Amino acid sequence: MNKLLLGALLSLSMLSTTAIPADAATRHVSKRHAHRKTVKRVGVGAGAGAAVGALAGGGKGAAIGALAGGGAGAAYDHHKKKQGQ
């Protein structure tokens, strides 16, 4: 009886440790790396917005497009950071 109980307990403990998904482990991301991602996302959005704005409305359109694209990049970055939690 003791061997059966011990075997069942051992099997259950081994099964529970292997059932945890690998991506459930927390990873440490440095603040520098996180800030770099934010700057890249906002910069790409601003650049794309400026390009579209320049094609659509010249200099003033480029400025408006850069602001809109930067805002969209910031919103995307915020979304991705919340999704990672």
PDB file of N, CA and C in Angstrom:
ATOM      1  N   MET A   1       0.812  -1.190   0.000  1.00  0.00           N
ATOM      2  CA  MET A   1       0.000   0.000   0.000  1.00  0.00           C
ATOM      3  C   MET A   1       0.860   1.260   0.000  1.00  0.00           C
ATOM      4  N   ASN A   2       1.922   1.283   0.812  1.00  0.00           N
ATOM      5  CA  ASN A   2       2.805   2.441   0.869  1.00  0.00           C
ATOM      6  C   ASN A   2       3.526   2.652  -0.454  1.00  0.00           C
ATOM      7  N   LYS A   3       3.931   1.543  -1.108  1.00  0.00           N
ATOM      8  CA  LYS A   3       4.616   1.664  -2.397  1.00  0.00           C
ATOM      9  C   LYS A   3       3.666   2.215  -3.460  1.00  0.00           C
ATOM     10  N   LEU A   4       2.424   1.807  -3.417  1.00  0.00           N
ATOM     11  CA  LEU A   4       1.436   2.289  -4.374  1.00  0.00           C
ATOM     12  C   LEU A   4       1.187   3.783  -4.180  1.00  0.00           C
ATOM     13  N   LEU A   5       1.041   4.205  -2.939  1.00  0.00           N
ATOM     14  CA  LEU A   5       0.831   5.617  -2.632  1.00  0.00           C
ATOM     15  C   LEU A   5       2.044   6.451  -3.005  1.00  0.00           C
ATOM     16  N   LEU A   6       3.222   5.950  -2.691  1.00  0.00           N
ATOM     17  CA  LEU A   6       4.457   6.659  -3.033  1.00  0.00           C
ATOM     18  C   LEU A   6       4.630   6.756  -4.547  1.00  0.00           C
ATOM     19  N   GLY A   7       4.316   5.676  -5.254  1.00  0.00           N
ATOM     20  CA  GLY A   7       4.407   5.674  -6.720  1.00  0.00           C
ATOM     21  C   GLY A   7       3.435   6.669  -7.346  1.00  0.00           C
ATOM     22  N   ALA A   8       2.220   6.701  -6.813  1.00  0.00           N
ATOM     23  CA  ALA A   8       1.222   7.642  -7.332  1.00  0.00           C
ATOM     24  C   ALA A   8       1.637   9.079  -7.060  1.00  0.00           C
ATOM     25  N   LEU A   9       2.158   9.346  -5.869  1.00  0.00           N
ATOM     26  CA  LEU A   9       2.603  10.693  -5.522  1.00  0.00           C
ATOM     27  C   LEU A   9       3.777  11.130  -6.383  1.00  0.00           C
ATOM     28  N   LEU A  10       4.713  10.221  -6.605  1.00  0.00           N
ATOM     29  CA  LEU A  10       5.878  10.524  -7.444  1.00  0.00           C
ATOM     30  C   LEU A  10       5.452  10.783  -8.887  1.00  0.00           C
ATOM     31  N   SER A  11       4.547   9.974  -9.395  1.00  0.00           N
ATOM     32  CA  SER A  11       4.059  10.161 -10.766  1.00  0.00           C
ATOM     33  C   SER A  11       3.335  11.488 -10.922  1.00  0.00           C
ATOM     34  N   LEU A  12       2.525  11.819  -9.947  1.00  0.00           N
ATOM     35  CA  LEU A  12       1.805  13.081  -9.997  1.00  0.00           C
ATOM     36  C   LEU A  12       2.744  14.275  -9.949  1.00  0.00           C
ATOM     37  N   SER A  13       3.762  14.216  -9.114  1.00  0.00           N
ATOM     38  CA  SER A  13       4.701  15.338  -9.022  1.00  0.00           C
ATOM     39  C   SER A  13       5.499  15.488 -10.310  1.00  0.00           C
ATOM     40  N   MET A  14       5.886  14.369 -10.921  1.00  0.00           N
ATOM     41  CA  MET A  14       6.622  14.458 -12.189  1.00  0.00           C
ATOM     42  C   MET A  14       5.727  14.992 -13.305  1.00  0.00           C
ATOM     43  N   LEU A  15       4.478  14.565 -13.316  1.00  0.00           N
ATOM     44  CA  LEU A  15       3.543  15.031 -14.337  1.00  0.00           C
ATOM     45  C   LEU A  15       3.255  16.520 -14.191  1.00  0.00           C
ATOM     46  N   SER A  16       3.109  16.984 -12.968  1.00  0.00           N
ATOM     47  CA  SER A  16       2.792  18.401 -12.764  1.00  0.00           C
ATOM     48  C   SER A  16       3.957  19.304 -13.151  1.00  0.00           C
ATOM     49  N   THR A  17       5.184  18.854 -12.989  1.00  0.00           N
ATOM     50  CA  THR A  17       6.322  19.704 -13.363  1.00  0.00           C
ATOM     51  C   THR A  17       6.531  19.729 -14.865  1.00  0.00           C
ATOM     52  N   THR A  18       6.156  18.689 -15.566  1.00  0.00           N
ATOM     53  CA  THR A  18       6.328  18.687 -17.019  1.00  0.00           C
ATOM     54  C   THR A  18       5.141  19.310 -17.737  1.00  0.00           C
ATOM     55  N   ALA A  19       4.031  19.476 -17.050  1.00  0.00           N
ATOM     56  CA  ALA A  19       2.836  20.033 -17.685  1.00  0.00           C
ATOM     57  C   ALA A  19       2.879  21.549 -17.776  1.00  0.00           C
ATOM     58  N   ILE A  20       3.798  22.204 -17.094  1.00  0.00           N
ATOM     59  CA  ILE A  20       3.902  23.660 -17.138  1.00  0.00           C
ATOM     60  C   ILE A  20       4.478  24.061 -18.492  1.00  0.00           C
ATOM     61  N   PRO A  21       3.807  24.914 -19.249  1.00  0.00           N
ATOM     62  CA  PRO A  21       4.332  25.302 -20.558  1.00  0.00           C
ATOM     63  C   PRO A  21       5.637  26.090 -20.424  1.00  0.00           C
ATOM     64  N   ALA A  22       6.465  25.949 -21.424  1.00  0.00           N
ATOM     65  CA  ALA A  22       7.788  26.587 -21.386  1.00  0.00           C
ATOM     66  C   ALA A  22       7.682  28.103 -21.402  1.00  0.00           C
ATOM     67  N   ASP A  23       6.677  28.653 -22.079  1.00  0.00           N
ATOM     68  CA  ASP A  23       6.572  30.111 -22.154  1.00  0.00           C
ATOM     69  C   ASP A  23       5.973  30.712 -20.881  1.00  0.00           C
ATOM     70  N   ALA A  24       5.578  29.880 -19.928  1.00  0.00           N
ATOM     71  CA  ALA A  24       5.044  30.405 -18.672  1.00  0.00           C
ATOM     72  C   ALA A  24       6.150  30.933 -17.772  1.00  0.00           C
ATOM     73  N   ALA A  25       7.373  30.530 -18.037  1.00  0.00           N
ATOM     74  CA  ALA A  25       8.488  31.026 -17.243  1.00  0.00           C
ATOM     75  C   ALA A  25       8.690  32.504 -17.536  1.00  0.00           C
ATOM     76  N   THR A  26       8.957  33.264 -16.513  1.00  0.00           N
ATOM     77  CA  THR A  26       9.150  34.699 -16.717  1.00  0.00           C
ATOM     78  C   THR A  26      10.545  34.965 -17.252  1.00  0.00           C
ATOM     79  N   ARG A  27      10.628  35.903 -18.157  1.00  0.00           N
ATOM     80  CA  ARG A  27      11.909  36.297 -18.715  1.00  0.00           C
ATOM     81  C   ARG A  27      12.207  37.706 -18.258  1.00  0.00           C
ATOM     82  N   HIS A  28      13.475  37.964 -18.060  1.00  0.00           N
ATOM     83  CA  HIS A  28      13.886  39.302 -17.658  1.00  0.00           C
ATOM     84  C   HIS A  28      14.311  40.078 -18.897  1.00  0.00           C
ATOM     85  N   VAL A  29      13.661  41.178 -19.148  1.00  0.00           N
ATOM     86  CA  VAL A  29      14.031  42.058 -20.258  1.00  0.00           C
ATOM     87  C   VAL A  29      14.558  43.343 -19.646  1.00  0.00           C
ATOM     88  N   SER A  30      15.750  43.719 -20.056  1.00  0.00           N
ATOM     89  CA  SER A  30      16.337  44.917 -19.473  1.00  0.00           C
ATOM     90  C   SER A  30      15.553  46.150 -19.889  1.00  0.00           C
ATOM     91  N   LYS A  31      15.612  47.181 -19.050  1.00  0.00           N
ATOM     92  CA  LYS A  31      14.891  48.422 -19.365  1.00  0.00           C
ATOM     93  C   LYS A  31      15.452  49.067 -20.618  1.00  0.00           C
ATOM     94  N   ARG A  32      16.761  48.943 -20.826  1.00  0.00           N
ATOM     95  CA  ARG A  32      17.362  49.520 -22.016  1.00  0.00           C
ATOM     96  C   ARG A  32      16.786  48.881 -23.268  1.00  0.00           C
ATOM     97  N   HIS A  33      16.621  47.567 -23.242  1.00  0.00           N
ATOM     98  CA  HIS A  33      16.067  46.870 -24.399  1.00  0.00           C
ATOM     99  C   HIS A  33      14.607  47.270 -24.617  1.00  0.00           C
ATOM    100  N   ALA A  34      13.851  47.404 -23.544  1.00  0.00           N
ATOM    101  CA  ALA A  34      12.445  47.793 -23.663  1.00  0.00           C
ATOM    102  C   ALA A  34      12.325  49.210 -24.220  1.00  0.00           C
ATOM    103  N   HIS A  35      13.194  50.108 -23.771  1.00  0.00           N
ATOM    104  CA  HIS A  35      13.161  51.486 -24.281  1.00  0.00           C
ATOM    105  C   HIS A  35      13.563  51.529 -25.747  1.00  0.00           C
ATOM    106  N   ARG A  36      14.517  50.688 -26.115  1.00  0.00           N
ATOM    107  CA  ARG A  36      14.939  50.639 -27.514  1.00  0.00           C
ATOM    108  C   ARG A  36      13.789  50.210 -28.409  1.00  0.00           C
ATOM    109  N   LYS A  37      13.014  49.220 -27.946  1.00  0.00           N
ATOM    110  CA  LYS A  37      11.856  48.766 -28.720  1.00  0.00           C
ATOM    111  C   LYS A  37      10.837  49.891 -28.862  1.00  0.00           C
ATOM    112  N   THR A  38      10.602  50.626 -27.782  1.00  0.00           N
ATOM    113  CA  THR A  38       9.642  51.724 -27.820  1.00  0.00           C
ATOM    114  C   THR A  38      10.085  52.789 -28.809  1.00  0.00           C
ATOM    115  N   VAL A  39      11.356  53.171 -28.747  1.00  0.00           N
ATOM    116  CA  VAL A  39      11.875  54.201 -29.654  1.00  0.00           C
ATOM    117  C   VAL A  39      11.771  53.728 -31.095  1.00  0.00           C
ATOM    118  N   LYS A  40      12.074  52.464 -31.332  1.00  0.00           N
ATOM    119  CA  LYS A  40      12.004  51.937 -32.694  1.00  0.00           C
ATOM    120  C   LYS A  40      10.570  51.938 -33.215  1.00  0.00           C
ATOM    121  N   ARG A  41       9.630  51.508 -32.389  1.00  0.00           N
ATOM    122  CA  ARG A  41       8.231  51.454 -32.827  1.00  0.00           C
ATOM    123  C   ARG A  41       7.675  52.844 -33.103  1.00  0.00           C
ATOM    124  N   VAL A  42       7.958  53.796 -32.230  1.00  0.00           N
ATOM    125  CA  VAL A  42       7.463  55.162 -32.426  1.00  0.00           C
ATOM    126  C   VAL A  42       8.156  55.800 -33.628  1.00  0.00           C
ATOM    127  N   GLY A  43       9.457  55.557 -33.779  1.00  0.00           N
ATOM    128  CA  GLY A  43      10.201  56.122 -34.904  1.00  0.00           C
ATOM    129  C   GLY A  43       9.737  55.598 -36.249  1.00  0.00           C
ATOM    130  N   VAL A  44       9.487  54.301 -36.317  1.00  0.00           N
ATOM    131  CA  VAL A  44       9.000  53.719 -37.574  1.00  0.00           C
ATOM    132  C   VAL A  44       7.622  54.280 -37.908  1.00  0.00           C
ATOM    133  N   GLY A  45       6.762  54.394 -36.897  1.00  0.00           N
ATOM    134  CA  GLY A  45       5.436  54.972 -37.136  1.00  0.00           C
ATOM    135  C   GLY A  45       5.520  56.405 -37.609  1.00  0.00           C
ATOM    136  N   ALA A  46       6.406  57.189 -36.990  1.00  0.00           N
ATOM    137  CA  ALA A  46       6.555  58.588 -37.383  1.00  0.00           C
ATOM    138  C   ALA A  46       7.123  58.712 -38.796  1.00  0.00           C
ATOM    139  N   GLY A  47       8.091  57.878 -39.108  1.00  0.00           N
ATOM    140  CA  GLY A  47       8.673  57.914 -40.459  1.00  0.00           C
ATOM    141  C   GLY A  47       7.676  57.539 -41.536  1.00  0.00           C
ATOM    142  N   ALA A  48       6.910  56.487 -41.268  1.00  0.00           N
ATOM    143  CA  ALA A  48       5.900  56.073 -42.242  1.00  0.00           C
ATOM    144  C   ALA A  48       4.816  57.141 -42.383  1.00  0.00           C
ATOM    145  N   GLY A  49       4.409  57.722 -41.267  1.00  0.00           N
ATOM    146  CA  GLY A  49       3.401  58.781 -41.323  1.00  0.00           C
ATOM    147  C   GLY A  49       3.893  60.003 -42.062  1.00  0.00           C
ATOM    148  N   ALA A  50       5.167  60.359 -41.867  1.00  0.00           N
ATOM    149  CA  ALA A  50       5.735  61.504 -42.572  1.00  0.00           C
ATOM    150  C   ALA A  50       5.803  61.251 -44.067  1.00  0.00           C
ATOM    151  N   ALA A  51       6.148  60.022 -44.442  1.00  0.00           N
ATOM    152  CA  ALA A  51       6.224  59.689 -45.871  1.00  0.00           C
ATOM    153  C   ALA A  51       4.854  59.779 -46.527  1.00  0.00           C
ATOM    154  N   VAL A  52       3.866  59.222 -45.883  1.00  0.00           N
ATOM    155  CA  VAL A  52       2.507  59.275 -46.443  1.00  0.00           C
ATOM    156  C   VAL A  52       2.002  60.712 -46.467  1.00  0.00           C
ATOM    157  N   GLY A  53       2.269  61.456 -45.384  1.00  0.00           N
ATOM    158  CA  GLY A  53       1.837  62.850 -45.327  1.00  0.00           C
ATOM    159  C   GLY A  53       2.511  63.709 -46.377  1.00  0.00           C
ATOM    160  N   ALA A  54       3.787  63.452 -46.650  1.00  0.00           N
ATOM    161  CA  ALA A  54       4.503  64.217 -47.672  1.00  0.00           C
ATOM    162  C   ALA A  54       3.932  63.944 -49.057  1.00  0.00           C
ATOM    163  N   LEU A  55       3.584  62.704 -49.314  1.00  0.00           N
ATOM    164  CA  LEU A  55       2.991  62.370 -50.605  1.00  0.00           C
ATOM    165  C   LEU A  55       1.606  62.995 -50.748  1.00  0.00           C
ATOM    166  N   ALA A  56       0.883  63.065 -49.660  1.00  0.00           N
ATOM    167  CA  ALA A  56      -0.489  63.567 -49.726  1.00  0.00           C
ATOM    168  C   ALA A  56      -0.573  65.087 -49.675  1.00  0.00           C
ATOM    169  N   GLY A  57       0.283  65.726 -48.849  1.00  0.00           N
ATOM    170  CA  GLY A  57       0.075  67.156 -48.677  1.00  0.00           C
ATOM    171  C   GLY A  57       1.326  67.997 -48.556  1.00  0.00           C
ATOM    172  N   GLY A  58       2.452  67.528 -49.005  1.00  0.00           N
ATOM    173  CA  GLY A  58       3.668  68.348 -48.955  1.00  0.00           C
ATOM    174  C   GLY A  58       4.256  68.446 -47.551  1.00  0.00           C
ATOM    175  N   GLY A  59       4.887  69.585 -47.240  1.00  0.00           N
ATOM    176  CA  GLY A  59       5.590  69.772 -45.977  1.00  0.00           C
ATOM    177  C   GLY A  59       4.698  69.746 -44.758  1.00  0.00           C
ATOM    178  N   LYS A  60       3.581  70.458 -44.848  1.00  0.00           N
ATOM    179  CA  LYS A  60       2.661  70.480 -43.721  1.00  0.00           C
ATOM    180  C   LYS A  60       2.037  69.100 -43.506  1.00  0.00           C
ATOM    181  N   GLY A  61       1.756  68.408 -44.582  1.00  0.00           N
ATOM    182  CA  GLY A  61       1.210  67.052 -44.489  1.00  0.00           C
ATOM    183  C   GLY A  61       2.203  66.087 -43.883  1.00  0.00           C
ATOM    184  N   ALA A  62       3.494  66.301 -44.165  1.00  0.00           N
ATOM    185  CA  ALA A  62       4.528  65.445 -43.589  1.00  0.00           C
ATOM    186  C   ALA A  62       4.600  65.622 -42.083  1.00  0.00           C
ATOM    187  N   ALA A  63       4.478  66.861 -41.631  1.00  0.00           N
ATOM    188  CA  ALA A  63       4.516  67.117 -40.188  1.00  0.00           C
ATOM    189  C   ALA A  63       3.311  66.493 -39.495  1.00  0.00           C
ATOM    190  N   ILE A  64       2.149  66.656 -40.084  1.00  0.00           N
ATOM    191  CA  ILE A  64       0.935  66.075 -39.504  1.00  0.00           C
ATOM    192  C   ILE A  64       1.021  64.551 -39.533  1.00  0.00           C
ATOM    193  N   GLY A  65       1.518  64.007 -40.640  1.00  0.00           N
ATOM    194  CA  GLY A  65       1.665  62.549 -40.756  1.00  0.00           C
ATOM    195  C   GLY A  65       2.662  61.990 -39.754  1.00  0.00           C
ATOM    196  N   ALA A  66       3.749  62.738 -39.502  1.00  0.00           N
ATOM    197  CA  ALA A  66       4.738  62.287 -38.525  1.00  0.00           C
ATOM    198  C   ALA A  66       4.133  62.248 -37.130  1.00  0.00           C
ATOM    199  N   LEU A  67       3.354  63.256 -36.790  1.00  0.00           N
ATOM    200  CA  LEU A  67       2.699  63.261 -35.476  1.00  0.00           C
ATOM    201  C   LEU A  67       1.694  62.119 -35.349  1.00  0.00           C
ATOM    202  N   ALA A  68       0.902  61.941 -36.380  1.00  0.00           N
ATOM    203  CA  ALA A  68      -0.096  60.871 -36.349  1.00  0.00           C
ATOM    204  C   ALA A  68       0.574  59.496 -36.317  1.00  0.00           C
ATOM    205  N   GLY A  69       1.628  59.322 -37.116  1.00  0.00           N
ATOM    206  CA  GLY A  69       2.347  58.046 -37.138  1.00  0.00           C
ATOM    207  C   GLY A  69       3.063  57.768 -35.828  1.00  0.00           C
ATOM    208  N   GLY A  70       3.645  58.799 -35.226  1.00  0.00           N
ATOM    209  CA  GLY A  70       4.287  58.625 -33.925  1.00  0.00           C
ATOM    210  C   GLY A  70       3.280  58.239 -32.857  1.00  0.00           C
ATOM    211  N   GLY A  71       2.113  58.857 -32.903  1.00  0.00           N
ATOM    212  CA  GLY A  71       1.053  58.490 -31.962  1.00  0.00           C
ATOM    213  C   GLY A  71       0.582  57.063 -32.165  1.00  0.00           C
ATOM    214  N   ALA A  72       0.462  56.662 -33.410  1.00  0.00           N
ATOM    215  CA  ALA A  72       0.051  55.285 -33.705  1.00  0.00           C
ATOM    216  C   ALA A  72       1.125  54.296 -33.248  1.00  0.00           C
ATOM    217  N   GLY A  73       2.397  54.659 -33.442  1.00  0.00           N
ATOM    218  CA  GLY A  73       3.487  53.797 -32.980  1.00  0.00           C
ATOM    219  C   GLY A  73       3.500  53.672 -31.466  1.00  0.00           C
ATOM    220  N   ALA A  74       3.226  54.770 -30.766  1.00  0.00           N
ATOM    221  CA  ALA A  74       3.169  54.732 -29.304  1.00  0.00           C
ATOM    222  C   ALA A  74       2.001  53.865 -28.825  1.00  0.00           C
ATOM    223  N   ALA A  75       0.865  53.972 -29.508  1.00  0.00           N
ATOM    224  CA  ALA A  75      -0.290  53.153 -29.146  1.00  0.00           C
ATOM    225  C   ALA A  75       0.004  51.672 -29.391  1.00  0.00           C
ATOM    226  N   TYR A  76       0.680  51.365 -30.494  1.00  0.00           N
ATOM    227  CA  TYR A  76       1.051  49.984 -30.801  1.00  0.00           C
ATOM    228  C   TYR A  76       2.022  49.445 -29.758  1.00  0.00           C
ATOM    229  N   ASP A  77       2.989  50.259 -29.354  1.00  0.00           N
ATOM    230  CA  ASP A  77       3.949  49.845 -28.338  1.00  0.00           C
ATOM    231  C   ASP A  77       3.250  49.563 -27.018  1.00  0.00           C
ATOM    232  N   HIS A  78       2.313  50.425 -26.642  1.00  0.00           N
ATOM    233  CA  HIS A  78       1.562  50.226 -25.406  1.00  0.00           C
ATOM    234  C   HIS A  78       0.771  48.921 -25.473  1.00  0.00           C
ATOM    235  N   HIS A  79       0.159  48.651 -26.617  1.00  0.00           N
ATOM    236  CA  HIS A  79      -0.609  47.426 -26.812  1.00  0.00           C
ATOM    237  C   HIS A  79       0.290  46.192 -26.684  1.00  0.00           C
ATOM    238  N   LYS A  80       1.453  46.220 -27.311  1.00  0.00           N
ATOM    239  CA  LYS A  80       2.365  45.073 -27.273  1.00  0.00           C
ATOM    240  C   LYS A  80       2.896  44.836 -25.863  1.00  0.00           C
ATOM    241  N   LYS A  81       3.139  45.898 -25.101  1.00  0.00           N
ATOM    242  CA  LYS A  81       3.625  45.736 -23.740  1.00  0.00           C
ATOM    243  C   LYS A  81       2.541  45.152 -22.839  1.00  0.00           C
ATOM    244  N   LYS A  82       1.303  45.565 -23.032  1.00  0.00           N
ATOM    245  CA  LYS A  82       0.203  45.016 -22.245  1.00  0.00           C
ATOM    246  C   LYS A  82      -0.057  43.564 -22.621  1.00  0.00           C
ATOM    247  N   GLN A  83       0.138  43.227 -23.880  1.00  0.00           N
ATOM    248  CA  GLN A  83      -0.081  41.875 -24.361  1.00  0.00           C
ATOM    249  C   GLN A  83       0.956  40.916 -23.769  1.00  0.00           C
ATOM    250  N   GLY A  84       2.150  41.415 -23.514  1.00  0.00           N
ATOM    251  CA  GLY A  84       3.211  40.575 -22.969  1.00  0.00           C
ATOM    252  C   GLY A  84       3.054  40.256 -21.503  1.00  0.00           C
ATOM    253  N   GLN A  85       2.181  40.925 -20.795  1.00  0.00           N
ATOM    254  CA  GLN A  85       2.043  40.691 -19.355  1.00  0.00           C
ATOM    255  C   GLN A  85       1.167  39.515 -19.058  1.00  0.00           C
TER     256      GLN A  85
END
